[in-house]
Amino acid sequence: MIAVDWGTTRLRAWLVDGSGAVLDRVTGDDGIMAVPPGGFPAVFRRHVGAWLDRWPDAPVVMAGMVGSRNGWVEAPYLRCPVAIDALAGGFAAVDAGGGRRAAIVPGLTARDAAGAPDVMRGEETKIAGCGVSDGLVVMPGTHSKWARIEAGRIAGFSTFMTGDFFGALKDHTILGKLAEEPADPAGFARGLDAARRPGGLTHVAFSARTLVLMGELPPAQVGPYLSGLLIGTEIDAGLAGAGAAAAIALVADGVFAQSYTEALASRGRACRLIDPEDAVVAGLRRLAAV
């Protein structure tokens, strides 16, 4: 099959054999925002045309913002709770050119305890590829997602703008102006501890300045301190709605994998680490087979 993760800024595609092994892969900066009106078939064929020609019967399944209102075609949101395999019932079909059809995975919507809506598009495919039937699936990023899986159903999820907030604090406030490079990672654990203090996030965040002024926080620790504070706040909120015994699958690599594993451990929780690419490919393969 041809598996595609097409987001806002990037396109990634994999050629996958019947056993799930990746035979070939391509990546590009042709995210949906870079595609001109009506240009999706041409961009798609530019990246994977050779695969389409060589394997004319291989199914094509795509996930991500390609199915948004600004994408190739909108794949309407499915409402949680929803069975993971039911995502395949919401596929949106597109003409990929030359009579070739492609399927796009729908996004999900849920509401929190106060009734406010939440959405995801792309992460649902990672959930499908994690093999989790009960527990939490945590997907860090600019907008981190925490999904609750119950008996093979996505019961609900929550989004945390942790990455966006970190960028805003570090690049556009006085707090970031105090930071020095190279960063001292020792500040991360201090930030995790600070997240437990009362007063609220906007109050505790100011301590990144006052601790420096009082000589109690080295400037090289400011960036990691803010990261720990924000991730710790996210972790505490995400765990608040889960049982103490809930298994946690962390879909992350690199610095995200390291930071979130450490943050969860600071709260006495272990996690199973899953590579994001593996999750996407396995999820698309699973849904294509439904």
C-alpha atoms as a PDB file:
ATOM      1  CA  MET A   1       0.000   0.000   0.000  1.00  0.00           C
ATOM      2  CA  ILE A   2       0.914   3.677  -0.260  1.00  0.00           C
ATOM      3  CA  ALA A   3       0.589   5.387   3.123  1.00  0.00           C
ATOM      4  CA  VAL A   4       0.618   9.189   3.334  1.00  0.00           C
ATOM      5  CA  ASP A   5       0.768  11.607   6.254  1.00  0.00           C
ATOM      6  CA  TRP A   6       0.047  15.041   4.745  1.00  0.00           C
ATOM      7  CA  GLY A   7       0.131  17.862   7.243  1.00  0.00           C
ATOM      8  CA  THR A   8       0.117  21.644   7.257  1.00  0.00           C
ATOM      9  CA  THR A   9       3.805  22.041   6.413  1.00  0.00           C
ATOM     10  CA  ARG A  10       5.094  18.582   5.451  1.00  0.00           C
ATOM     11  CA  LEU A  11       4.199  15.572   3.332  1.00  0.00           C
ATOM     12  CA  ARG A  12       5.519  12.133   4.189  1.00  0.00           C
ATOM     13  CA  ALA A  13       4.745   8.964   2.244  1.00  0.00           C
ATOM     14  CA  TRP A  14       5.729   5.331   2.588  1.00  0.00           C
ATOM     15  CA  LEU A  15       5.563   2.340   0.289  1.00  0.00           C
ATOM     16  CA  VAL A  16       4.572  -0.571   2.532  1.00  0.00           C
ATOM     17  CA  ASP A  17       4.552  -4.277   1.712  1.00  0.00           C
ATOM     18  CA  GLY A  18       2.033  -6.874   2.833  1.00  0.00           C
ATOM     19  CA  SER A  19       3.890  -7.603   6.065  1.00  0.00           C
ATOM     20  CA  GLY A  20       3.991  -3.943   7.074  1.00  0.00           C
ATOM     21  CA  ALA A  21       7.639  -3.369   6.216  1.00  0.00           C
ATOM     22  CA  VAL A  22       8.523   0.013   4.719  1.00  0.00           C
ATOM     23  CA  LEU A  23      10.104  -0.504   1.291  1.00  0.00           C
ATOM     24  CA  ASP A  24      10.609   3.146   0.420  1.00  0.00           C
ATOM     25  CA  ARG A  25       9.780   6.608   1.766  1.00  0.00           C
ATOM     26  CA  VAL A  26       9.624  10.192   0.540  1.00  0.00           C
ATOM     27  CA  THR A  27       9.296  13.503   2.353  1.00  0.00           C
ATOM     28  CA  GLY A  28       8.710  17.032   1.164  1.00  0.00           C
ATOM     29  CA  ASP A  29       7.877  20.555   2.242  1.00  0.00           C
ATOM     30  CA  ASP A  30       4.654  20.493   0.238  1.00  0.00           C
ATOM     31  CA  GLY A  31       2.316  20.796   3.212  1.00  0.00           C
ATOM     32  CA  ILE A  32      -1.274  21.656   2.416  1.00  0.00           C
ATOM     33  CA  MET A  33      -0.631  25.387   2.874  1.00  0.00           C
ATOM     34  CA  ALA A  34       1.904  25.277   0.037  1.00  0.00           C
ATOM     35  CA  VAL A  35      -0.442  23.586  -2.444  1.00  0.00           C
ATOM     36  CA  PRO A  36      -2.190  25.932  -4.893  1.00  0.00           C
ATOM     37  CA  PRO A  37      -5.943  25.620  -5.501  1.00  0.00           C
ATOM     38  CA  GLY A  38      -6.635  22.438  -7.415  1.00  0.00           C
ATOM     39  CA  GLY A  39      -3.007  21.388  -7.102  1.00  0.00           C
ATOM     40  CA  PHE A  40      -3.293  18.372  -4.835  1.00  0.00           C
ATOM     41  CA  PRO A  41      -3.329  15.664  -7.555  1.00  0.00           C
ATOM     42  CA  ALA A  42      -0.223  17.102  -9.231  1.00  0.00           C
ATOM     43  CA  VAL A  43       1.731  17.466  -5.974  1.00  0.00           C
ATOM     44  CA  PHE A  44       0.702  13.984  -4.905  1.00  0.00           C
ATOM     45  CA  ARG A  45       1.796  12.435  -8.200  1.00  0.00           C
ATOM     46  CA  ARG A  46       5.087  14.349  -8.140  1.00  0.00           C
ATOM     47  CA  HIS A  47       6.017  12.622  -4.907  1.00  0.00           C
ATOM     48  CA  VAL A  48       4.626   9.104  -5.385  1.00  0.00           C
ATOM     49  CA  GLY A  49       3.907   8.857  -9.101  1.00  0.00           C
ATOM     50  CA  ALA A  50       6.558   6.177  -9.617  1.00  0.00           C
ATOM     51  CA  TRP A  51       4.898   4.011  -6.976  1.00  0.00           C
ATOM     52  CA  LEU A  52       1.457   4.563  -8.476  1.00  0.00           C
ATOM     53  CA  ASP A  53       2.681   3.472 -11.884  1.00  0.00           C
ATOM     54  CA  ARG A  54       4.595   0.417 -10.694  1.00  0.00           C
ATOM     55  CA  TRP A  55       1.920  -0.853  -8.300  1.00  0.00           C
ATOM     56  CA  PRO A  56      -1.411   0.087  -9.918  1.00  0.00           C
ATOM     57  CA  ASP A  57      -3.442  -2.052  -7.515  1.00  0.00           C
ATOM     58  CA  ALA A  58      -1.853  -0.860  -4.260  1.00  0.00           C
ATOM     59  CA  PRO A  59      -4.399   0.932  -2.048  1.00  0.00           C
ATOM     60  CA  VAL A  60      -3.663   4.566  -1.165  1.00  0.00           C
ATOM     61  CA  VAL A  61      -4.633   5.837   2.286  1.00  0.00           C
ATOM     62  CA  MET A  62      -3.860   9.315   3.606  1.00  0.00           C
ATOM     63  CA  ALA A  63      -4.155  11.017   6.990  1.00  0.00           C
ATOM     64  CA  GLY A  64      -3.622  14.489   8.384  1.00  0.00           C
ATOM     65  CA  MET A  65      -4.600  17.995   7.337  1.00  0.00           C
ATOM     66  CA  VAL A  66      -5.069  16.798   3.757  1.00  0.00           C
ATOM     67  CA  GLY A  67      -8.557  15.911   4.981  1.00  0.00           C
ATOM     68  CA  SER A  68      -9.278  19.339   6.481  1.00  0.00           C
ATOM     69  CA  ARG A  69     -11.357  22.151   4.991  1.00  0.00           C
ATOM     70  CA  ASN A  70      -8.149  23.565   3.523  1.00  0.00           C
ATOM     71  CA  GLY A  71      -7.004  20.201   2.208  1.00  0.00           C
ATOM     72  CA  TRP A  72      -7.697  18.074  -0.828  1.00  0.00           C
ATOM     73  CA  VAL A  73     -11.227  17.292   0.331  1.00  0.00           C
ATOM     74  CA  GLU A  74     -12.795  17.510   3.767  1.00  0.00           C
ATOM     75  CA  ALA A  75     -13.150  14.222   5.611  1.00  0.00           C
ATOM     76  CA  PRO A  76     -15.782  15.175   8.211  1.00  0.00           C
ATOM     77  CA  TYR A  77     -14.998  14.711  11.895  1.00  0.00           C
ATOM     78  CA  LEU A  78     -16.322  11.629  13.659  1.00  0.00           C
ATOM     79  CA  ARG A  79     -17.636  12.201  17.168  1.00  0.00           C
ATOM     80  CA  CYS A  80     -16.152  10.436  20.179  1.00  0.00           C
ATOM     81  CA  PRO A  81     -16.674   7.902  21.595  1.00  0.00           C
ATOM     82  CA  VAL A  82     -15.883   5.925  18.476  1.00  0.00           C
ATOM     83  CA  ALA A  83     -14.425   2.479  17.828  1.00  0.00           C
ATOM     84  CA  ILE A  84     -10.921   2.749  16.384  1.00  0.00           C
ATOM     85  CA  ASP A  85     -11.730   0.553  13.391  1.00  0.00           C
ATOM     86  CA  ALA A  86     -14.843   2.652  12.706  1.00  0.00           C
ATOM     87  CA  LEU A  87     -12.505   5.366  11.417  1.00  0.00           C
ATOM     88  CA  ALA A  88     -12.392   3.413   8.163  1.00  0.00           C
ATOM     89  CA  GLY A  89     -16.129   3.931   7.786  1.00  0.00           C
ATOM     90  CA  GLY A  90     -15.516   7.675   7.580  1.00  0.00           C
ATOM     91  CA  PHE A  91     -12.995   7.583   4.741  1.00  0.00           C
ATOM     92  CA  ALA A  92     -13.339  10.371   2.185  1.00  0.00           C
ATOM     93  CA  ALA A  93     -12.474   9.353  -1.383  1.00  0.00           C
ATOM     94  CA  VAL A  94     -10.537  11.478  -3.884  1.00  0.00           C
ATOM     95  CA  ASP A  95      -9.474  11.024  -7.478  1.00  0.00           C
ATOM     96  CA  ALA A  96      -5.678  10.801  -7.462  1.00  0.00           C
ATOM     97  CA  GLY A  97      -5.490  10.964 -11.251  1.00  0.00           C
ATOM     98  CA  GLY A  98      -5.441   8.305 -13.923  1.00  0.00           C
ATOM     99  CA  GLY A  99      -8.544   6.726 -12.454  1.00  0.00           C
ATOM    100  CA  ARG A 100      -6.717   6.042  -9.185  1.00  0.00           C
ATOM    101  CA  ARG A 101      -8.765   6.509  -6.004  1.00  0.00           C
ATOM    102  CA  ALA A 102      -7.321   7.407  -2.622  1.00  0.00           C
ATOM    103  CA  ALA A 103      -8.919   7.349   0.822  1.00  0.00           C
ATOM    104  CA  ILE A 104      -8.485  10.020   3.505  1.00  0.00           C
ATOM    105  CA  VAL A 105      -8.909   9.202   7.190  1.00  0.00           C
ATOM    106  CA  PRO A 106     -11.438  11.404   9.037  1.00  0.00           C
ATOM    107  CA  GLY A 107     -10.550  13.519  12.052  1.00  0.00           C
ATOM    108  CA  LEU A 108     -12.190  13.282  15.469  1.00  0.00           C
ATOM    109  CA  THR A 109     -14.089  15.667  17.686  1.00  0.00           C
ATOM    110  CA  ALA A 110     -14.893  15.432  21.375  1.00  0.00           C
ATOM    111  CA  ARG A 111     -16.172  17.676  24.156  1.00  0.00           C
ATOM    112  CA  ASP A 112     -14.683  18.251  27.574  1.00  0.00           C
ATOM    113  CA  ALA A 113     -16.518  18.166  30.886  1.00  0.00           C
ATOM    114  CA  ALA A 114     -17.702  21.764  30.364  1.00  0.00           C
ATOM    115  CA  GLY A 115     -18.978  21.007  26.874  1.00  0.00           C
ATOM    116  CA  ALA A 116     -16.234  22.829  24.948  1.00  0.00           C
ATOM    117  CA  PRO A 117     -15.289  21.143  21.649  1.00  0.00           C
ATOM    118  CA  ASP A 118     -11.904  19.674  20.833  1.00  0.00           C
ATOM    119  CA  VAL A 119     -10.568  18.290  17.545  1.00  0.00           C
ATOM    120  CA  MET A 120      -7.749  16.178  16.169  1.00  0.00           C
ATOM    121  CA  ARG A 121      -6.718  15.343  12.636  1.00  0.00           C
ATOM    122  CA  GLY A 122      -3.844  12.974  12.013  1.00  0.00           C
ATOM    123  CA  GLU A 123      -3.342  11.806  15.591  1.00  0.00           C
ATOM    124  CA  GLU A 124      -6.296   9.411  15.295  1.00  0.00           C
ATOM    125  CA  THR A 125      -4.213   7.397  12.832  1.00  0.00           C
ATOM    126  CA  LYS A 126      -1.336   7.161  15.320  1.00  0.00           C
ATOM    127  CA  ILE A 127      -3.831   5.887  17.893  1.00  0.00           C
ATOM    128  CA  ALA A 128      -4.952   3.208  15.447  1.00  0.00           C
ATOM    129  CA  GLY A 129      -1.343   2.110  15.040  1.00  0.00           C
ATOM    130  CA  CYS A 130      -0.500   1.876  18.746  1.00  0.00           C
ATOM    131  CA  GLY A 131      -2.340  -1.359  19.459  1.00  0.00           C
ATOM    132  CA  VAL A 132      -3.853   0.100  22.643  1.00  0.00           C
ATOM    133  CA  SER A 133      -7.267  -1.235  23.650  1.00  0.00           C
ATOM    134  CA  ASP A 134      -7.362   0.334  27.131  1.00  0.00           C
ATOM    135  CA  GLY A 135      -5.284   3.188  28.520  1.00  0.00           C
ATOM    136  CA  LEU A 136      -3.868   6.546  27.521  1.00  0.00           C
ATOM    137  CA  VAL A 137      -2.158   7.488  24.276  1.00  0.00           C
ATOM    138  CA  VAL A 138      -0.026  10.620  24.673  1.00  0.00           C
ATOM    139  CA  MET A 139       1.177  12.430  21.534  1.00  0.00           C
ATOM    140  CA  PRO A 140       3.415  15.434  22.345  1.00  0.00           C
ATOM    141  CA  GLY A 141       3.952  18.309  19.973  1.00  0.00           C
ATOM    142  CA  THR A 142       2.992  21.880  19.276  1.00  0.00           C
ATOM    143  CA  HIS A 143      -0.522  20.845  20.273  1.00  0.00           C
ATOM    144  CA  SER A 144      -0.180  17.750  22.454  1.00  0.00           C
ATOM    145  CA  LYS A 145      -3.000  15.213  22.457  1.00  0.00           C
ATOM    146  CA  TRP A 146      -4.038  12.911  25.296  1.00  0.00           C
ATOM    147  CA  ALA A 147      -6.494  10.240  24.143  1.00  0.00           C
ATOM    148  CA  ARG A 148      -8.436   7.917  26.439  1.00  0.00           C
ATOM    149  CA  ILE A 149      -8.938   4.435  24.998  1.00  0.00           C
ATOM    150  CA  GLU A 150     -11.580   2.175  26.514  1.00  0.00           C
ATOM    151  CA  ALA A 151     -12.346  -1.317  25.187  1.00  0.00           C
ATOM    152  CA  GLY A 152     -11.009  -0.489  21.749  1.00  0.00           C
ATOM    153  CA  ARG A 153     -12.883   2.796  21.535  1.00  0.00           C
ATOM    154  CA  ILE A 154     -11.525   6.329  21.589  1.00  0.00           C
ATOM    155  CA  ALA A 155     -13.610   7.575  24.502  1.00  0.00           C
ATOM    156  CA  GLY A 156     -12.349  11.163  24.325  1.00  0.00           C
ATOM    157  CA  PHE A 157      -9.242  13.291  24.217  1.00  0.00           C
ATOM    158  CA  SER A 158      -7.751  16.600  25.318  1.00  0.00           C
ATOM    159  CA  THR A 159      -5.448  19.041  23.532  1.00  0.00           C
ATOM    160  CA  PHE A 160      -2.716  21.031  25.287  1.00  0.00           C
ATOM    161  CA  MET A 161      -1.014  23.934  23.466  1.00  0.00           C
ATOM    162  CA  THR A 162       2.249  23.207  25.268  1.00  0.00           C
ATOM    163  CA  GLY A 163       4.595  23.671  22.309  1.00  0.00           C
ATOM    164  CA  ASP A 164       2.911  26.893  21.207  1.00  0.00           C
ATOM    165  CA  PHE A 165       3.012  28.308  24.726  1.00  0.00           C
ATOM    166  CA  PHE A 166       6.688  27.434  25.122  1.00  0.00           C
ATOM    167  CA  GLY A 167       7.536  29.217  21.881  1.00  0.00           C
ATOM    168  CA  ALA A 168       5.508  32.257  22.872  1.00  0.00           C
ATOM    169  CA  LEU A 169       7.058  32.532  26.342  1.00  0.00           C
ATOM    170  CA  LYS A 170      10.608  31.974  25.124  1.00  0.00           C
ATOM    171  CA  ASP A 171      10.482  34.155  22.028  1.00  0.00           C
ATOM    172  CA  HIS A 172       8.004  36.892  22.868  1.00  0.00           C
ATOM    173  CA  THR A 173       8.197  37.630  26.607  1.00  0.00           C
ATOM    174  CA  ILE A 174      10.738  39.001  29.035  1.00  0.00           C
ATOM    175  CA  LEU A 175      11.235  35.465  30.344  1.00  0.00           C
ATOM    176  CA  GLY A 176      12.923  34.346  27.162  1.00  0.00           C
ATOM    177  CA  LYS A 177      15.238  37.355  27.162  1.00  0.00           C
ATOM    178  CA  LEU A 178      16.769  36.026  30.375  1.00  0.00           C
ATOM    179  CA  ALA A 179      17.694  32.670  28.862  1.00  0.00           C
ATOM    180  CA  GLU A 180      21.294  31.920  27.977  1.00  0.00           C
ATOM    181  CA  GLU A 181      22.798  29.272  25.708  1.00  0.00           C
ATOM    182  CA  PRO A 182      23.926  26.587  25.892  1.00  0.00           C
ATOM    183  CA  ALA A 183      20.943  25.550  27.980  1.00  0.00           C
ATOM    184  CA  ASP A 184      21.475  23.706  31.238  1.00  0.00           C
ATOM    185  CA  PRO A 185      19.058  20.725  31.302  1.00  0.00           C
ATOM    186  CA  ALA A 186      19.058  20.759  35.111  1.00  0.00           C
ATOM    187  CA  GLY A 187      16.382  23.450  34.856  1.00  0.00           C
ATOM    188  CA  PHE A 188      13.877  20.959  33.437  1.00  0.00           C
ATOM    189  CA  ALA A 189      13.455  19.022  36.693  1.00  0.00           C
ATOM    190  CA  ARG A 190      13.093  22.306  38.576  1.00  0.00           C
ATOM    191  CA  GLY A 191      10.329  23.298  36.167  1.00  0.00           C
ATOM    192  CA  LEU A 192       8.558  19.980  36.712  1.00  0.00           C
ATOM    193  CA  ASP A 193       8.611  20.624  40.456  1.00  0.00           C
ATOM    194  CA  ALA A 194       7.403  24.213  39.970  1.00  0.00           C
ATOM    195  CA  ALA A 195       4.354  22.948  38.052  1.00  0.00           C
ATOM    196  CA  ARG A 196       3.065  21.500  41.331  1.00  0.00           C
ATOM    197  CA  ARG A 197       3.099  24.838  43.113  1.00  0.00           C
ATOM    198  CA  PRO A 198      -0.210  26.657  43.736  1.00  0.00           C
ATOM    199  CA  GLY A 199      -1.087  29.950  42.126  1.00  0.00           C
ATOM    200  CA  GLY A 200      -1.737  28.978  38.515  1.00  0.00           C
ATOM    201  CA  LEU A 201       0.499  28.756  35.457  1.00  0.00           C
ATOM    202  CA  THR A 202       0.717  32.481  34.669  1.00  0.00           C
ATOM    203  CA  HIS A 203       1.778  33.206  38.261  1.00  0.00           C
ATOM    204  CA  VAL A 204       4.342  30.410  38.535  1.00  0.00           C
ATOM    205  CA  ALA A 205       5.801  31.246  35.102  1.00  0.00           C
ATOM    206  CA  PHE A 206       6.882  34.654  36.402  1.00  0.00           C
ATOM    207  CA  SER A 207       9.214  32.857  38.797  1.00  0.00           C
ATOM    208  CA  ALA A 208      11.474  32.183  35.806  1.00  0.00           C
ATOM    209  CA  ARG A 209      12.322  35.878  36.037  1.00  0.00           C
ATOM    210  CA  THR A 210      12.307  36.432  39.779  1.00  0.00           C
ATOM    211  CA  LEU A 211      14.458  33.384  40.512  1.00  0.00           C
ATOM    212  CA  VAL A 212      17.069  34.736  38.092  1.00  0.00           C
ATOM    213  CA  LEU A 213      16.887  38.197  39.674  1.00  0.00           C
ATOM    214  CA  MET A 214      17.429  36.699  43.127  1.00  0.00           C
ATOM    215  CA  GLY A 215      20.351  34.597  41.913  1.00  0.00           C
ATOM    216  CA  GLU A 216      18.485  31.334  42.519  1.00  0.00           C
ATOM    217  CA  LEU A 217      18.124  30.178  38.903  1.00  0.00           C
ATOM    218  CA  PRO A 218      21.051  30.323  36.442  1.00  0.00           C
ATOM    219  CA  PRO A 219      20.038  32.001  33.149  1.00  0.00           C
ATOM    220  CA  ALA A 220      21.131  28.854  31.300  1.00  0.00           C
ATOM    221  CA  GLN A 221      18.338  26.985  33.089  1.00  0.00           C
ATOM    222  CA  VAL A 222      15.535  29.363  32.091  1.00  0.00           C
ATOM    223  CA  GLY A 223      14.570  27.603  28.846  1.00  0.00           C
ATOM    224  CA  PRO A 224      14.521  24.095  30.350  1.00  0.00           C
ATOM    225  CA  TYR A 225      12.731  25.485  33.436  1.00  0.00           C
ATOM    226  CA  LEU A 226       9.921  26.882  31.284  1.00  0.00           C
ATOM    227  CA  SER A 227       9.747  23.633  29.332  1.00  0.00           C
ATOM    228  CA  GLY A 228       9.487  21.606  32.534  1.00  0.00           C
ATOM    229  CA  LEU A 229       6.865  23.965  33.932  1.00  0.00           C
ATOM    230  CA  LEU A 230       4.654  23.679  30.851  1.00  0.00           C
ATOM    231  CA  ILE A 231       5.096  19.945  30.342  1.00  0.00           C
ATOM    232  CA  GLY A 232       4.571  19.316  34.048  1.00  0.00           C
ATOM    233  CA  THR A 233       1.337  21.317  33.944  1.00  0.00           C
ATOM    234  CA  GLU A 234       0.200  19.308  30.921  1.00  0.00           C
ATOM    235  CA  ILE A 235       1.123  15.978  32.528  1.00  0.00           C
ATOM    236  CA  ASP A 236      -0.756  16.791  35.729  1.00  0.00           C
ATOM    237  CA  ALA A 237      -3.886  17.813  33.832  1.00  0.00           C
ATOM    238  CA  GLY A 238      -3.694  14.800  31.527  1.00  0.00           C
ATOM    239  CA  LEU A 239      -3.268  12.337  34.367  1.00  0.00           C
ATOM    240  CA  ALA A 240      -6.054  13.906  36.420  1.00  0.00           C
ATOM    241  CA  GLY A 241      -8.688  12.220  34.284  1.00  0.00           C
ATOM    242  CA  ALA A 242      -7.060   8.785  34.279  1.00  0.00           C
ATOM    243  CA  GLY A 243      -6.884   6.009  36.806  1.00  0.00           C
ATOM    244  CA  ALA A 244      -3.641   5.383  38.656  1.00  0.00           C
ATOM    245  CA  ALA A 245      -3.258   2.023  36.917  1.00  0.00           C
ATOM    246  CA  ALA A 246      -3.953   3.239  33.366  1.00  0.00           C
ATOM    247  CA  ALA A 247      -1.279   2.112  30.913  1.00  0.00           C
ATOM    248  CA  ILE A 248       0.377   4.954  28.997  1.00  0.00           C
ATOM    249  CA  ALA A 249       1.620   4.764  25.409  1.00  0.00           C
ATOM    250  CA  LEU A 250       3.868   7.694  24.510  1.00  0.00           C
ATOM    251  CA  VAL A 251       4.081   8.343  20.767  1.00  0.00           C
ATOM    252  CA  ALA A 252       7.246  10.390  20.508  1.00  0.00           C
ATOM    253  CA  ASP A 253      10.910  10.423  19.557  1.00  0.00           C
ATOM    254  CA  GLY A 254      13.921  12.636  20.147  1.00  0.00           C
ATOM    255  CA  VAL A 255      13.653  15.393  22.731  1.00  0.00           C
ATOM    256  CA  PHE A 256       9.900  14.863  23.151  1.00  0.00           C
ATOM    257  CA  ALA A 257      10.431  11.221  24.084  1.00  0.00           C
ATOM    258  CA  GLN A 258      13.111  12.144  26.611  1.00  0.00           C
ATOM    259  CA  SER A 259      11.222  15.072  28.153  1.00  0.00           C
ATOM    260  CA  TYR A 260       7.841  13.360  28.497  1.00  0.00           C
ATOM    261  CA  THR A 261       9.328  10.109  29.795  1.00  0.00           C
ATOM    262  CA  GLU A 262      11.141  12.105  32.480  1.00  0.00           C
ATOM    263  CA  ALA A 263       8.042  14.146  33.264  1.00  0.00           C
ATOM    264  CA  LEU A 264       5.863  11.055  33.631  1.00  0.00           C
ATOM    265  CA  ALA A 265       8.512   9.376  35.809  1.00  0.00           C
ATOM    266  CA  SER A 266       8.504  12.444  38.072  1.00  0.00           C
ATOM    267  CA  ARG A 267       4.835  11.679  38.705  1.00  0.00           C
ATOM    268  CA  GLY A 268       5.520   8.006  39.321  1.00  0.00           C
ATOM    269  CA  ARG A 269       4.241   6.826  35.945  1.00  0.00           C
ATOM    270  CA  ALA A 270       5.961   4.610  33.396  1.00  0.00           C
ATOM    271  CA  CYS A 271       5.162   4.582  29.683  1.00  0.00           C
ATOM    272  CA  ARG A 272       5.622   2.462  26.584  1.00  0.00           C
ATOM    273  CA  LEU A 273       7.470   4.428  23.902  1.00  0.00           C
ATOM    274  CA  ILE A 274       6.243   4.164  20.295  1.00  0.00           C
ATOM    275  CA  ASP A 275       7.985   5.729  17.310  1.00  0.00           C
ATOM    276  CA  PRO A 276       5.640   8.236  15.573  1.00  0.00           C
ATOM    277  CA  GLU A 277       6.454   6.991  12.074  1.00  0.00           C
ATOM    278  CA  ASP A 278       5.794   3.398  13.109  1.00  0.00           C
ATOM    279  CA  ALA A 279       2.460   4.447  14.597  1.00  0.00           C
ATOM    280  CA  VAL A 280       1.335   6.313  11.469  1.00  0.00           C
ATOM    281  CA  VAL A 281       2.284   3.515   9.085  1.00  0.00           C
ATOM    282  CA  ALA A 282       0.744   0.821  11.279  1.00  0.00           C
ATOM    283  CA  GLY A 283      -2.411   2.904  11.740  1.00  0.00           C
ATOM    284  CA  LEU A 284      -2.902   3.499   8.019  1.00  0.00           C
ATOM    285  CA  ARG A 285      -2.245  -0.165   7.305  1.00  0.00           C
ATOM    286  CA  ARG A 286      -4.755  -1.228   9.961  1.00  0.00           C
ATOM    287  CA  LEU A 287      -7.491   1.073   8.683  1.00  0.00           C
ATOM    288  CA  ALA A 288      -6.865   0.098   5.055  1.00  0.00           C
ATOM    289  CA  ALA A 289      -7.499  -3.524   6.011  1.00  0.00           C
ATOM    290  CA  VAL A 290     -10.867  -2.901   7.728  1.00  0.00           C
END
